[in-house]
Amino acid sequence: MMKIEHIALWTKDLEAMKAFYTTYFGATSTQRYHNPKTGFSSYFLSFTDGARLELCCRPDIIEGKRDSFGFTHLAFSLGSKEAVDCFAYKLQDAGYPIQNGPRTTGDGYYEAVIFDPEGNQIELTV
């Protein structure tokens, strides 16, 4: 079974965005994840219906080295590492190269990353 696992947004002010969604939309937040090598930080926010939002921030984005904020990727949960691997290689064989993975990320996700036909990033996760 495939389902949307989470949607992610690039943010300028990670703490303000977390406060907004937890205060006004009743989301609960994970602890802040930080990768000191890349400067990437994020929070996963969970809503009562099970939907999840990942808020992402990186210094090069804040410093204006990126053109846009907002949508960063769409993640689909496939249920197992084997399903992630199988589907990622199926897409690769169909002409959508794997951009990253399959691998376990620093924040514990097992994922593979591809781009859809218009260049939107798709994460395939467990």
PDB file of N, CA and C in Angstrom:
ATOM      1  N   MET A   1       0.831  -1.183   0.000  1.00  0.00           N
ATOM      2  CA  MET A   1       0.000   0.000   0.000  1.00  0.00           C
ATOM      3  C   MET A   1       0.877   1.248   0.000  1.00  0.00           C
ATOM      4  N   MET A   2       0.592   2.179  -0.886  1.00  0.00           N
ATOM      5  CA  MET A   2       1.350   3.425  -0.967  1.00  0.00           C
ATOM      6  C   MET A   2       0.501   4.553  -0.406  1.00  0.00           C
ATOM      7  N   LYS A   3       1.128   5.410   0.409  1.00  0.00           N
ATOM      8  CA  LYS A   3       0.436   6.582   0.943  1.00  0.00           C
ATOM      9  C   LYS A   3       1.422   7.732   1.038  1.00  0.00           C
ATOM     10  N   ILE A   4       0.891   8.955   1.035  1.00  0.00           N
ATOM     11  CA  ILE A   4       1.766  10.108   1.236  1.00  0.00           C
ATOM     12  C   ILE A   4       2.243  10.069   2.674  1.00  0.00           C
ATOM     13  N   GLU A   5       3.551  10.086   2.860  1.00  0.00           N
ATOM     14  CA  GLU A   5       4.154  10.002   4.196  1.00  0.00           C
ATOM     15  C   GLU A   5       4.244  11.376   4.834  1.00  0.00           C
ATOM     16  N   HIS A   6       4.738  12.356   4.063  1.00  0.00           N
ATOM     17  CA  HIS A   6       4.792  13.733   4.557  1.00  0.00           C
ATOM     18  C   HIS A   6       5.034  14.684   3.400  1.00  0.00           C
ATOM     19  N   ILE A   7       4.806  15.949   3.655  1.00  0.00           N
ATOM     20  CA  ILE A   7       5.135  17.028   2.728  1.00  0.00           C
ATOM     21  C   ILE A   7       6.132  17.918   3.454  1.00  0.00           C
ATOM     22  N   ALA A   8       7.094  18.452   2.718  1.00  0.00           N
ATOM     23  CA  ALA A   8       8.150  19.255   3.336  1.00  0.00           C
ATOM     24  C   ALA A   8       8.190  20.655   2.735  1.00  0.00           C
ATOM     25  N   LEU A   9       8.515  21.632   3.584  1.00  0.00           N
ATOM     26  CA  LEU A   9       8.624  23.030   3.175  1.00  0.00           C
ATOM     27  C   LEU A   9       9.985  23.592   3.574  1.00  0.00           C
ATOM     28  N   TRP A  10      10.611  24.356   2.658  1.00  0.00           N
ATOM     29  CA  TRP A  10      11.773  25.152   3.033  1.00  0.00           C
ATOM     30  C   TRP A  10      11.266  26.362   3.796  1.00  0.00           C
ATOM     31  N   THR A  11      11.910  26.709   4.888  1.00  0.00           N
ATOM     32  CA  THR A  11      11.507  27.856   5.692  1.00  0.00           C
ATOM     33  C   THR A  11      12.687  28.789   5.927  1.00  0.00           C
ATOM     34  N   LYS A  12      12.385  30.058   6.117  1.00  0.00           N
ATOM     35  CA  LYS A  12      13.410  31.037   6.476  1.00  0.00           C
ATOM     36  C   LYS A  12      13.629  31.044   7.982  1.00  0.00           C
ATOM     37  N   ASP A  13      12.546  30.886   8.745  1.00  0.00           N
ATOM     38  CA  ASP A  13      12.607  30.944  10.201  1.00  0.00           C
ATOM     39  C   ASP A  13      11.960  29.677  10.752  1.00  0.00           C
ATOM     40  N   LEU A  14      12.770  28.684  10.983  1.00  0.00           N
ATOM     41  CA  LEU A  14      12.302  27.365  11.411  1.00  0.00           C
ATOM     42  C   LEU A  14      11.500  27.435  12.708  1.00  0.00           C
ATOM     43  N   GLU A  15      11.984  28.195  13.680  1.00  0.00           N
ATOM     44  CA  GLU A  15      11.307  28.267  14.976  1.00  0.00           C
ATOM     45  C   GLU A  15       9.946  28.971  14.871  1.00  0.00           C
ATOM     46  N   ALA A  16       9.869  30.037  14.089  1.00  0.00           N
ATOM     47  CA  ALA A  16       8.603  30.747  13.928  1.00  0.00           C
ATOM     48  C   ALA A  16       7.573  29.869  13.217  1.00  0.00           C
ATOM     49  N   MET A  17       8.015  29.120  12.205  1.00  0.00           N
ATOM     50  CA  MET A  17       7.097  28.243  11.480  1.00  0.00           C
ATOM     51  C   MET A  17       6.603  27.114  12.387  1.00  0.00           C
ATOM     52  N   LYS A  18       7.507  26.560  13.192  1.00  0.00           N
ATOM     53  CA  LYS A  18       7.100  25.510  14.137  1.00  0.00           C
ATOM     54  C   LYS A  18       6.071  26.066  15.115  1.00  0.00           C
ATOM     55  N   ALA A  19       6.329  27.233  15.651  1.00  0.00           N
ATOM     56  CA  ALA A  19       5.406  27.848  16.607  1.00  0.00           C
ATOM     57  C   ALA A  19       4.041  28.113  15.968  1.00  0.00           C
ATOM     58  N   PHE A  20       4.020  28.564  14.744  1.00  0.00           N
ATOM     59  CA  PHE A  20       2.772  28.835  14.038  1.00  0.00           C
ATOM     60  C   PHE A  20       1.920  27.572  13.929  1.00  0.00           C
ATOM     61  N   TYR A  21       2.518  26.484  13.427  1.00  0.00           N
ATOM     62  CA  TYR A  21       1.746  25.256  13.211  1.00  0.00           C
ATOM     63  C   TYR A  21       1.382  24.547  14.515  1.00  0.00           C
ATOM     64  N   THR A  22       2.220  24.631  15.527  1.00  0.00           N
ATOM     65  CA  THR A  22       1.856  24.000  16.799  1.00  0.00           C
ATOM     66  C   THR A  22       0.816  24.824  17.547  1.00  0.00           C
ATOM     67  N   THR A  23       0.923  26.140  17.499  1.00  0.00           N
ATOM     68  CA  THR A  23      -0.017  27.011  18.210  1.00  0.00           C
ATOM     69  C   THR A  23      -1.390  27.049  17.562  1.00  0.00           C
ATOM     70  N   TYR A  24      -1.439  27.251  16.259  1.00  0.00           N
ATOM     71  CA  TYR A  24      -2.714  27.498  15.598  1.00  0.00           C
ATOM     72  C   TYR A  24      -3.357  26.270  14.953  1.00  0.00           C
ATOM     73  N   PHE A  25      -2.560  25.244  14.667  1.00  0.00           N
ATOM     74  CA  PHE A  25      -3.105  24.061  14.011  1.00  0.00           C
ATOM     75  C   PHE A  25      -3.023  22.809  14.880  1.00  0.00           C
ATOM     76  N   GLY A  26      -2.527  22.951  16.117  1.00  0.00           N
ATOM     77  CA  GLY A  26      -2.498  21.844  17.060  1.00  0.00           C
ATOM     78  C   GLY A  26      -1.504  20.748  16.736  1.00  0.00           C
ATOM     79  N   ALA A  27      -0.497  21.055  15.932  1.00  0.00           N
ATOM     80  CA  ALA A  27       0.512  20.047  15.595  1.00  0.00           C
ATOM     81  C   ALA A  27       1.409  19.780  16.794  1.00  0.00           C
ATOM     82  N   THR A  28       1.936  18.571  16.858  1.00  0.00           N
ATOM     83  CA  THR A  28       2.975  18.247  17.834  1.00  0.00           C
ATOM     84  C   THR A  28       4.283  18.094  17.072  1.00  0.00           C
ATOM     85  N   SER A  29       5.371  18.466  17.702  1.00  0.00           N
ATOM     86  CA  SER A  29       6.659  18.528  17.025  1.00  0.00           C
ATOM     87  C   SER A  29       7.657  17.531  17.594  1.00  0.00           C
ATOM     88  N   THR A  30       8.515  17.032  16.709  1.00  0.00           N
ATOM     89  CA  THR A  30       9.666  16.246  17.138  1.00  0.00           C
ATOM     90  C   THR A  30      10.711  17.207  17.697  1.00  0.00           C
ATOM     91  N   GLN A  31      11.768  16.661  18.245  1.00  0.00           N
ATOM     92  CA  GLN A  31      12.931  17.463  18.602  1.00  0.00           C
ATOM     93  C   GLN A  31      13.578  17.933  17.299  1.00  0.00           C
ATOM     94  N   ARG A  32      14.263  19.036  17.366  1.00  0.00           N
ATOM     95  CA  ARG A  32      14.943  19.568  16.179  1.00  0.00           C
ATOM     96  C   ARG A  32      16.040  18.595  15.751  1.00  0.00           C
ATOM     97  N   TYR A  33      16.044  18.265  14.467  1.00  0.00           N
ATOM     98  CA  TYR A  33      17.134  17.484  13.871  1.00  0.00           C
ATOM     99  C   TYR A  33      18.116  18.471  13.263  1.00  0.00           C
ATOM    100  N   HIS A  34      19.423  18.239  13.464  1.00  0.00           N
ATOM    101  CA  HIS A  34      20.435  19.116  12.883  1.00  0.00           C
ATOM    102  C   HIS A  34      21.585  18.277  12.344  1.00  0.00           C
ATOM    103  N   ASN A  35      21.974  18.556  11.107  1.00  0.00           N
ATOM    104  CA  ASN A  35      23.130  17.911  10.493  1.00  0.00           C
ATOM    105  C   ASN A  35      24.249  18.949  10.465  1.00  0.00           C
ATOM    106  N   PRO A  36      25.259  18.816  11.339  1.00  0.00           N
ATOM    107  CA  PRO A  36      26.305  19.837  11.411  1.00  0.00           C
ATOM    108  C   PRO A  36      27.151  19.930  10.140  1.00  0.00           C
ATOM    109  N   LYS A  37      27.228  18.859   9.363  1.00  0.00           N
ATOM    110  CA  LYS A  37      28.026  18.876   8.134  1.00  0.00           C
ATOM    111  C   LYS A  37      27.411  19.788   7.077  1.00  0.00           C
ATOM    112  N   THR A  38      26.088  19.729   6.920  1.00  0.00           N
ATOM    113  CA  THR A  38      25.417  20.517   5.878  1.00  0.00           C
ATOM    114  C   THR A  38      24.747  21.769   6.417  1.00  0.00           C
ATOM    115  N   GLY A  39      24.538  21.827   7.740  1.00  0.00           N
ATOM    116  CA  GLY A  39      23.809  22.925   8.344  1.00  0.00           C
ATOM    117  C   GLY A  39      22.297  22.750   8.277  1.00  0.00           C
ATOM    118  N   PHE A  40      21.839  21.659   7.685  1.00  0.00           N
ATOM    119  CA  PHE A  40      20.411  21.387   7.541  1.00  0.00           C
ATOM    120  C   PHE A  40      19.790  21.109   8.906  1.00  0.00           C
ATOM    121  N   SER A  41      18.614  21.707   9.150  1.00  0.00           N
ATOM    122  CA  SER A  41      17.840  21.453  10.363  1.00  0.00           C
ATOM    123  C   SER A  41      16.386  21.248   9.967  1.00  0.00           C
ATOM    124  N   SER A  42      15.671  20.443  10.770  1.00  0.00           N
ATOM    125  CA  SER A  42      14.250  20.248  10.475  1.00  0.00           C
ATOM    126  C   SER A  42      13.487  19.823  11.711  1.00  0.00           C
ATOM    127  N   TYR A  43      12.183  20.001  11.625  1.00  0.00           N
ATOM    128  CA  TYR A  43      11.220  19.469  12.580  1.00  0.00           C
ATOM    129  C   TYR A  43      10.185  18.690  11.780  1.00  0.00           C
ATOM    130  N   PHE A  44       9.704  17.594  12.342  1.00  0.00           N
ATOM    131  CA  PHE A  44       8.537  16.917  11.804  1.00  0.00           C
ATOM    132  C   PHE A  44       7.363  17.272  12.699  1.00  0.00           C
ATOM    133  N   LEU A  45       6.297  17.781  12.093  1.00  0.00           N
ATOM    134  CA  LEU A  45       5.082  18.138  12.818  1.00  0.00           C
ATOM    135  C   LEU A  45       4.004  17.121  12.478  1.00  0.00           C
ATOM    136  N   SER A  46       3.332  16.608  13.497  1.00  0.00           N
ATOM    137  CA  SER A  46       2.250  15.647  13.305  1.00  0.00           C
ATOM    138  C   SER A  46       0.924  16.290  13.683  1.00  0.00           C
ATOM    139  N   PHE A  47      -0.083  16.018  12.866  1.00  0.00           N
ATOM    140  CA  PHE A  47      -1.424  16.536  13.092  1.00  0.00           C
ATOM    141  C   PHE A  47      -2.325  15.393  13.554  1.00  0.00           C
ATOM    142  N   THR A  48      -3.454  15.727  14.156  1.00  0.00           N
ATOM    143  CA  THR A  48      -4.314  14.711  14.781  1.00  0.00           C
ATOM    144  C   THR A  48      -4.807  13.648  13.813  1.00  0.00           C
ATOM    145  N   ASP A  49      -4.929  13.980  12.524  1.00  0.00           N
ATOM    146  CA  ASP A  49      -5.410  12.982  11.559  1.00  0.00           C
ATOM    147  C   ASP A  49      -4.297  12.090  11.016  1.00  0.00           C
ATOM    148  N   GLY A  50      -3.054  12.298  11.491  1.00  0.00           N
ATOM    149  CA  GLY A  50      -1.932  11.489  11.037  1.00  0.00           C
ATOM    150  C   GLY A  50      -1.085  12.143   9.967  1.00  0.00           C
ATOM    151  N   ALA A  51      -1.554  13.247   9.384  1.00  0.00           N
ATOM    152  CA  ALA A  51      -0.757  13.959   8.384  1.00  0.00           C
ATOM    153  C   ALA A  51       0.503  14.502   9.041  1.00  0.00           C
ATOM    154  N   ARG A  52       1.591  14.607   8.244  1.00  0.00           N
ATOM    155  CA  ARG A  52       2.848  15.133   8.780  1.00  0.00           C
ATOM    156  C   ARG A  52       3.427  16.181   7.833  1.00  0.00           C
ATOM    157  N   LEU A  53       4.060  17.179   8.443  1.00  0.00           N
ATOM    158  CA  LEU A  53       4.708  18.257   7.720  1.00  0.00           C
ATOM    159  C   LEU A  53       6.136  18.351   8.217  1.00  0.00           C
ATOM    160  N   GLU A  54       7.097  18.383   7.283  1.00  0.00           N
ATOM    161  CA  GLU A  54       8.496  18.576   7.645  1.00  0.00           C
ATOM    162  C   GLU A  54       8.875  20.011   7.320  1.00  0.00           C
ATOM    163  N   LEU A  55       9.333  20.741   8.324  1.00  0.00           N
ATOM    164  CA  LEU A  55       9.835  22.095   8.140  1.00  0.00           C
ATOM    165  C   LEU A  55      11.345  22.017   8.034  1.00  0.00           C
ATOM    166  N   CYS A  56      11.915  22.557   6.958  1.00  0.00           N
ATOM    167  CA  CYS A  56      13.344  22.423   6.666  1.00  0.00           C
ATOM    168  C   CYS A  56      14.009  23.786   6.565  1.00  0.00           C
ATOM    169  N   CYS A  57      15.260  23.853   7.007  1.00  0.00           N
ATOM    170  CA  CYS A  57      16.009  25.101   6.946  1.00  0.00           C
ATOM    171  C   CYS A  57      17.484  24.780   6.739  1.00  0.00           C
ATOM    172  N   ARG A  58      18.143  25.607   5.916  1.00  0.00           N
ATOM    173  CA  ARG A  58      19.576  25.455   5.678  1.00  0.00           C
ATOM    174  C   ARG A  58      20.176  26.834   5.469  1.00  0.00           C
ATOM    175  N   PRO A  59      21.377  27.105   5.990  1.00  0.00           N
ATOM    176  CA  PRO A  59      21.974  28.443   5.900  1.00  0.00           C
ATOM    177  C   PRO A  59      22.063  28.999   4.489  1.00  0.00           C
ATOM    178  N   ASP A  60      22.385  28.173   3.494  1.00  0.00           N
ATOM    179  CA  ASP A  60      22.524  28.703   2.139  1.00  0.00           C
ATOM    180  C   ASP A  60      21.189  29.202   1.592  1.00  0.00           C
ATOM    181  N   ILE A  61      20.101  28.671   2.097  1.00  0.00           N
ATOM    182  CA  ILE A  61      18.786  29.147   1.670  1.00  0.00           C
ATOM    183  C   ILE A  61      18.497  30.511   2.298  1.00  0.00           C
ATOM    184  N   ILE A  62      18.787  30.631   3.584  1.00  0.00           N
ATOM    185  CA  ILE A  62      18.557  31.900   4.286  1.00  0.00           C
ATOM    186  C   ILE A  62      19.412  33.009   3.684  1.00  0.00           C
ATOM    187  N   GLU A  63      20.626  32.680   3.275  1.00  0.00           N
ATOM    188  CA  GLU A  63      21.545  33.670   2.724  1.00  0.00           C
ATOM    189  C   GLU A  63      21.221  34.033   1.273  1.00  0.00           C
ATOM    190  N   GLY A  64      20.125  33.530   0.752  1.00  0.00           N
ATOM    191  CA  GLY A  64      19.698  33.921  -0.586  1.00  0.00           C
ATOM    192  C   GLY A  64      20.309  33.138  -1.719  1.00  0.00           C
ATOM    193  N   LYS A  65      20.927  32.008  -1.422  1.00  0.00           N
ATOM    194  CA  LYS A  65      21.534  31.213  -2.477  1.00  0.00           C
ATOM    195  C   LYS A  65      20.521  30.274  -3.125  1.00  0.00           C
ATOM    196  N   ARG A  66      19.290  30.357  -2.711  1.00  0.00           N
ATOM    197  CA  ARG A  66      18.219  29.551  -3.291  1.00  0.00           C
ATOM    198  C   ARG A  66      17.108  30.504  -3.723  1.00  0.00           C
ATOM    199  N   ASP A  67      16.499  30.211  -4.854  1.00  0.00           N
ATOM    200  CA  ASP A  67      15.508  31.115  -5.438  1.00  0.00           C
ATOM    201  C   ASP A  67      14.141  31.077  -4.774  1.00  0.00           C
ATOM    202  N   SER A  68      13.773  29.966  -4.148  1.00  0.00           N
ATOM    203  CA  SER A  68      12.406  29.872  -3.648  1.00  0.00           C
ATOM    204  C   SER A  68      12.338  29.199  -2.291  1.00  0.00           C
ATOM    205  N   PHE A  69      11.213  29.452  -1.649  1.00  0.00           N
ATOM    206  CA  PHE A  69      10.890  28.795  -0.400  1.00  0.00           C
ATOM    207  C   PHE A  69       9.585  28.065  -0.617  1.00  0.00           C
ATOM    208  N   GLY A  70       9.184  27.269   0.320  1.00  0.00           N
ATOM    209  CA  GLY A  70       7.943  26.523   0.182  1.00  0.00           C
ATOM    210  C   GLY A  70       8.209  25.059  -0.073  1.00  0.00           C
ATOM    211  N   PHE A  71       7.437  24.466  -0.988  1.00  0.00           N
ATOM    212  CA  PHE A  71       7.520  23.046  -1.259  1.00  0.00           C
ATOM    213  C   PHE A  71       8.954  22.609  -1.527  1.00  0.00           C
ATOM    214  N   THR A  72       9.387  21.567  -0.858  1.00  0.00           N
ATOM    215  CA  THR A  72      10.705  21.008  -1.135  1.00  0.00           C
ATOM    216  C   THR A  72      10.613  19.583  -1.650  1.00  0.00           C
ATOM    217  N   HIS A  73       9.765  18.756  -1.067  1.00  0.00           N
ATOM    218  CA  HIS A  73       9.586  17.411  -1.602  1.00  0.00           C
ATOM    219  C   HIS A  73       8.290  16.791  -1.112  1.00  0.00           C
ATOM    220  N   LEU A  74       7.900  15.729  -1.788  1.00  0.00           N
ATOM    221  CA  LEU A  74       6.750  14.925  -1.432  1.00  0.00           C
ATOM    222  C   LEU A  74       7.279  13.536  -1.120  1.00  0.00           C
ATOM    223  N   ALA A  75       6.889  12.969   0.023  1.00  0.00           N
ATOM    224  CA  ALA A  75       7.395  11.654   0.418  1.00  0.00           C
ATOM    225  C   ALA A  75       6.264  10.633   0.404  1.00  0.00           C
ATOM    226  N   PHE A  76       6.513   9.501  -0.250  1.00  0.00           N
ATOM    227  CA  PHE A  76       5.569   8.391  -0.284  1.00  0.00           C
ATOM    228  C   PHE A  76       6.096   7.256   0.561  1.00  0.00           C
ATOM    229  N   SER A  77       5.266   6.730   1.445  1.00  0.00           N
ATOM    230  CA  SER A  77       5.611   5.571   2.265  1.00  0.00           C
ATOM    231  C   SER A  77       5.220   4.316   1.503  1.00  0.00           C
ATOM    232  N   LEU A  78       6.163   3.394   1.367  1.00  0.00           N
ATOM    233  CA  LEU A  78       5.924   2.163   0.618  1.00  0.00           C
ATOM    234  C   LEU A  78       5.847   0.933   1.514  1.00  0.00           C
ATOM    235  N   GLY A  79       6.137   1.074   2.807  1.00  0.00           N
ATOM    236  CA  GLY A  79       5.908  -0.012   3.746  1.00  0.00           C
ATOM    237  C   GLY A  79       7.109  -0.846   4.147  1.00  0.00           C
ATOM    238  N   SER A  80       8.157  -0.907   3.311  1.00  0.00           N
ATOM    239  CA  SER A  80       9.334  -1.712   3.665  1.00  0.00           C
ATOM    240  C   SER A  80      10.545  -1.234   2.864  1.00  0.00           C
ATOM    241  N   LYS A  81      11.742  -1.576   3.373  1.00  0.00           N
ATOM    242  CA  LYS A  81      12.973  -1.249   2.645  1.00  0.00           C
ATOM    243  C   LYS A  81      12.981  -1.934   1.283  1.00  0.00           C
ATOM    244  N   GLU A  82      12.515  -3.168   1.254  1.00  0.00           N
ATOM    245  CA  GLU A  82      12.484  -3.920   0.004  1.00  0.00           C
ATOM    246  C   GLU A  82      11.584  -3.238  -1.031  1.00  0.00           C
ATOM    247  N   ALA A  83      10.435  -2.733  -0.578  1.00  0.00           N
ATOM    248  CA  ALA A  83       9.523  -2.035  -1.488  1.00  0.00           C
ATOM    249  C   ALA A  83      10.142  -0.740  -1.995  1.00  0.00           C
ATOM    250  N   VAL A  84      10.860  -0.014  -1.120  1.00  0.00           N
ATOM    251  CA  VAL A  84      11.553   1.207  -1.537  1.00  0.00           C
ATOM    252  C   VAL A  84      12.570   0.868  -2.620  1.00  0.00           C
ATOM    253  N   ASP A  85      13.400  -0.142  -2.354  1.00  0.00           N
ATOM    254  CA  ASP A  85      14.424  -0.536  -3.323  1.00  0.00           C
ATOM    255  C   ASP A  85      13.799  -0.924  -4.660  1.00  0.00           C
ATOM    256  N   CYS A  86      12.801  -1.775  -4.610  1.00  0.00           N
ATOM    257  CA  CYS A  86      12.153  -2.283  -5.822  1.00  0.00           C
ATOM    258  C   CYS A  86      11.550  -1.143  -6.646  1.00  0.00           C
ATOM    259  N   PHE A  87      10.817  -0.258  -5.985  1.00  0.00           N
ATOM    260  CA  PHE A  87      10.153   0.822  -6.700  1.00  0.00           C
ATOM    261  C   PHE A  87      11.162   1.835  -7.232  1.00  0.00           C
ATOM    262  N   ALA A  88      12.203   2.129  -6.449  1.00  0.00           N
ATOM    263  CA  ALA A  88      13.232   3.071  -6.898  1.00  0.00           C
ATOM    264  C   ALA A  88      13.914   2.549  -8.159  1.00  0.00           C
ATOM    265  N   TYR A  89      14.259   1.275  -8.182  1.00  0.00           N
ATOM    266  CA  TYR A  89      14.929   0.707  -9.357  1.00  0.00           C
ATOM    267  C   TYR A  89      13.966   0.574 -10.535  1.00  0.00           C
ATOM    268  N   LYS A  90      12.701   0.355 -10.272  1.00  0.00           N
ATOM    269  CA  LYS A  90      11.686   0.333 -11.333  1.00  0.00           C
ATOM    270  C   LYS A  90      11.609   1.702 -12.000  1.00  0.00           C
ATOM    271  N   LEU A  91      11.586   2.768 -11.185  1.00  0.00           N
ATOM    272  CA  LEU A  91      11.547   4.120 -11.736  1.00  0.00           C
ATOM    273  C   LEU A  91      12.838   4.439 -12.488  1.00  0.00           C
ATOM    274  N   GLN A  92      13.954   4.006 -11.947  1.00  0.00           N
ATOM    275  CA  GLN A  92      15.238   4.231 -12.621  1.00  0.00           C
ATOM    276  C   GLN A  92      15.227   3.554 -14.000  1.00  0.00           C
ATOM    277  N   ASP A  93      14.745   2.322 -14.042  1.00  0.00           N
ATOM    278  CA  ASP A  93      14.670   1.595 -15.311  1.00  0.00           C
ATOM    279  C   ASP A  93      13.726   2.275 -16.298  1.00  0.00           C
ATOM    280  N   ALA A  94      12.754   3.028 -15.783  1.00  0.00           N
ATOM    281  CA  ALA A  94      11.803   3.743 -16.630  1.00  0.00           C
ATOM    282  C   ALA A  94      12.322   5.117 -17.061  1.00  0.00           C
ATOM    283  N   GLY A  95      13.551   5.453 -16.659  1.00  0.00           N
ATOM    284  CA  GLY A  95      14.140   6.711 -17.097  1.00  0.00           C
ATOM    285  C   GLY A  95      14.151   7.829 -16.078  1.00  0.00           C
ATOM    286  N   TYR A  96      13.828   7.508 -14.815  1.00  0.00           N
ATOM    287  CA  TYR A  96      13.860   8.499 -13.729  1.00  0.00           C
ATOM    288  C   TYR A  96      14.998   8.127 -12.785  1.00  0.00           C
ATOM    289  N   PRO A  97      16.206   8.652 -13.040  1.00  0.00           N
ATOM    290  CA  PRO A  97      17.379   8.241 -12.275  1.00  0.00           C
ATOM    291  C   PRO A  97      17.244   8.485 -10.775  1.00  0.00           C
ATOM    292  N   ILE A  98      17.782   7.571 -10.011  1.00  0.00           N
ATOM    293  CA  ILE A  98      17.841   7.732  -8.555  1.00  0.00           C
ATOM    294  C   ILE A  98      18.853   8.833  -8.270  1.00  0.00           C
ATOM    295  N   GLN A  99      18.417   9.853  -7.536  1.00  0.00           N
ATOM    296  CA  GLN A  99      19.278  10.984  -7.200  1.00  0.00           C
ATOM    297  C   GLN A  99      20.086  10.736  -5.932  1.00  0.00           C
ATOM    298  N   ASN A 100      19.514   9.912  -5.039  1.00  0.00           N
ATOM    299  CA  ASN A 100      20.167   9.631  -3.760  1.00  0.00           C
ATOM    300  C   ASN A 100      19.564   8.353  -3.202  1.00  0.00           C
ATOM    301  N   GLY A 101      20.422   7.507  -2.624  1.00  0.00           N
ATOM    302  CA  GLY A 101      19.941   6.279  -1.991  1.00  0.00           C
ATOM    303  C   GLY A 101      19.845   5.145  -2.982  1.00  0.00           C
ATOM    304  N   PRO A 102      19.106   4.149  -2.564  1.00  0.00           N
ATOM    305  CA  PRO A 102      18.447   3.955  -1.275  1.00  0.00           C
ATOM    306  C   PRO A 102      19.459   3.918  -0.125  1.00  0.00           C
ATOM    307  N   ARG A 103      19.064   4.544   0.975  1.00  0.00           N
ATOM    308  CA  ARG A 103      19.958   4.643   2.139  1.00  0.00           C
ATOM    309  C   ARG A 103      19.164   5.031   3.374  1.00  0.00           C
ATOM    310  N   THR A 104      19.807   4.890   4.529  1.00  0.00           N
ATOM    311  CA  THR A 104      19.246   5.396   5.780  1.00  0.00           C
ATOM    312  C   THR A 104      19.869   6.762   6.015  1.00  0.00           C
ATOM    313  N   THR A 105      19.030   7.773   6.181  1.00  0.00           N
ATOM    314  CA  THR A 105      19.502   9.143   6.352  1.00  0.00           C
ATOM    315  C   THR A 105      19.929   9.391   7.794  1.00  0.00           C
ATOM    316  N   GLY A 106      20.533  10.545   8.029  1.00  0.00           N
ATOM    317  CA  GLY A 106      20.971  10.912   9.368  1.00  0.00           C
ATOM    318  C   GLY A 106      19.838  11.041  10.367  1.00  0.00           C
ATOM    319  N   ASP A 107      18.621  11.347   9.883  1.00  0.00           N
ATOM    320  CA  ASP A 107      17.491  11.443  10.799  1.00  0.00           C
ATOM    321  C   ASP A 107      16.662  10.157  10.836  1.00  0.00           C
ATOM    322  N   GLY A 108      17.235   9.063  10.309  1.00  0.00           N
ATOM    323  CA  GLY A 108      16.645   7.743  10.493  1.00  0.00           C
ATOM    324  C   GLY A 108      15.696   7.255   9.419  1.00  0.00           C
ATOM    325  N   TYR A 109      15.510   8.014   8.359  1.00  0.00           N
ATOM    326  CA  TYR A 109      14.635   7.563   7.275  1.00  0.00           C
ATOM    327  C   TYR A 109      15.387   6.637   6.345  1.00  0.00           C
ATOM    328  N   TYR A 110      14.726   5.583   5.908  1.00  0.00           N
ATOM    329  CA  TYR A 110      15.249   4.786   4.797  1.00  0.00           C
ATOM    330  C   TYR A 110      14.549   5.331   3.570  1.00  0.00           C
ATOM    331  N   GLU A 111      15.326   5.821   2.606  1.00  0.00           N
ATOM    332  CA  GLU A 111      14.712   6.490   1.471  1.00  0.00           C
ATOM    333  C   GLU A 111      15.545   6.361   0.210  1.00  0.00           C
ATOM    334  N   ALA A 112      14.867   6.602  -0.888  1.00  0.00           N
ATOM    335  CA  ALA A 112      15.490   6.824  -2.185  1.00  0.00           C
ATOM    336  C   ALA A 112      14.835   8.092  -2.730  1.00  0.00           C
ATOM    337  N   VAL A 113      15.594   8.873  -3.482  1.00  0.00           N
ATOM    338  CA  VAL A 113      15.100  10.139  -3.999  1.00  0.00           C
ATOM    339  C   VAL A 113      15.152  10.118  -5.521  1.00  0.00           C
ATOM    340  N   ILE A 114      14.049  10.528  -6.151  1.00  0.00           N
ATOM    341  CA  ILE A 114      13.971  10.681  -7.600  1.00  0.00           C
ATOM    342  C   ILE A 114      13.308  12.035  -7.883  1.00  0.00           C
ATOM    343  N   PHE A 115      13.319  12.449  -9.141  1.00  0.00           N
ATOM    344  CA  PHE A 115      12.587  13.640  -9.565  1.00  0.00           C
ATOM    345  C   PHE A 115      11.485  13.214 -10.517  1.00  0.00           C
ATOM    346  N   ASP A 116      10.315  13.857 -10.395  1.00  0.00           N
ATOM    347  CA  ASP A 116       9.231  13.569 -11.328  1.00  0.00           C
ATOM    348  C   ASP A 116       9.544  14.248 -12.664  1.00  0.00           C
ATOM    349  N   PRO A 117       8.690  14.097 -13.680  1.00  0.00           N
ATOM    350  CA  PRO A 117       9.002  14.660 -14.994  1.00  0.00           C
ATOM    351  C   PRO A 117       9.215  16.173 -15.034  1.00  0.00           C
ATOM    352  N   GLU A 118       8.688  16.914 -14.050  1.00  0.00           N
ATOM    353  CA  GLU A 118       8.898  18.357 -14.020  1.00  0.00           C
ATOM    354  C   GLU A 118       9.953  18.790 -13.016  1.00  0.00           C
ATOM    355  N   GLY A 119      10.711  17.838 -12.479  1.00  0.00           N
ATOM    356  CA  GLY A 119      11.803  18.166 -11.578  1.00  0.00           C
ATOM    357  C   GLY A 119      11.454  18.304 -10.129  1.00  0.00           C
ATOM    358  N   ASN A 120      10.233  17.907  -9.725  1.00  0.00           N
ATOM    359  CA  ASN A 120       9.866  17.928  -8.311  1.00  0.00           C
ATOM    360  C   ASN A 120      10.487  16.743  -7.610  1.00  0.00           C
ATOM    361  N   GLN A 121      11.044  16.978  -6.427  1.00  0.00           N
ATOM    362  CA  GLN A 121      11.713  15.914  -5.681  1.00  0.00           C
ATOM    363  C   GLN A 121      10.691  15.008  -5.018  1.00  0.00           C
ATOM    364  N   ILE A 122      10.861  13.695  -5.199  1.00  0.00           N
ATOM    365  CA  ILE A 122      10.015  12.682  -4.588  1.00  0.00           C
ATOM    366  C   ILE A 122      10.891  11.791  -3.729  1.00  0.00           C
ATOM    367  N   GLU A 123      10.518  11.633  -2.452  1.00  0.00           N
ATOM    368  CA  GLU A 123      11.196  10.679  -1.572  1.00  0.00           C
ATOM    369  C   GLU A 123      10.338   9.419  -1.484  1.00  0.00           C
ATOM    370  N   LEU A 124      10.975   8.284  -1.656  1.00  0.00           N
ATOM    371  CA  LEU A 124      10.339   6.993  -1.458  1.00  0.00           C
ATOM    372  C   LEU A 124      10.848   6.483  -0.118  1.00  0.00           C
ATOM    373  N   THR A 125       9.964   6.294   0.846  1.00  0.00           N
ATOM    374  CA  THR A 125      10.362   5.937   2.200  1.00  0.00           C
ATOM    375  C   THR A 125       9.669   4.648   2.651  1.00  0.00           C
ATOM    376  N   VAL A 126      10.158   4.116   3.783  1.00  0.00           N
ATOM    377  CA  VAL A 126       9.498   2.966   4.406  1.00  0.00           C
ATOM    378  C   VAL A 126       8.217   3.474   4.999  1.00  0.00           C
TER     379      VAL A 126
END
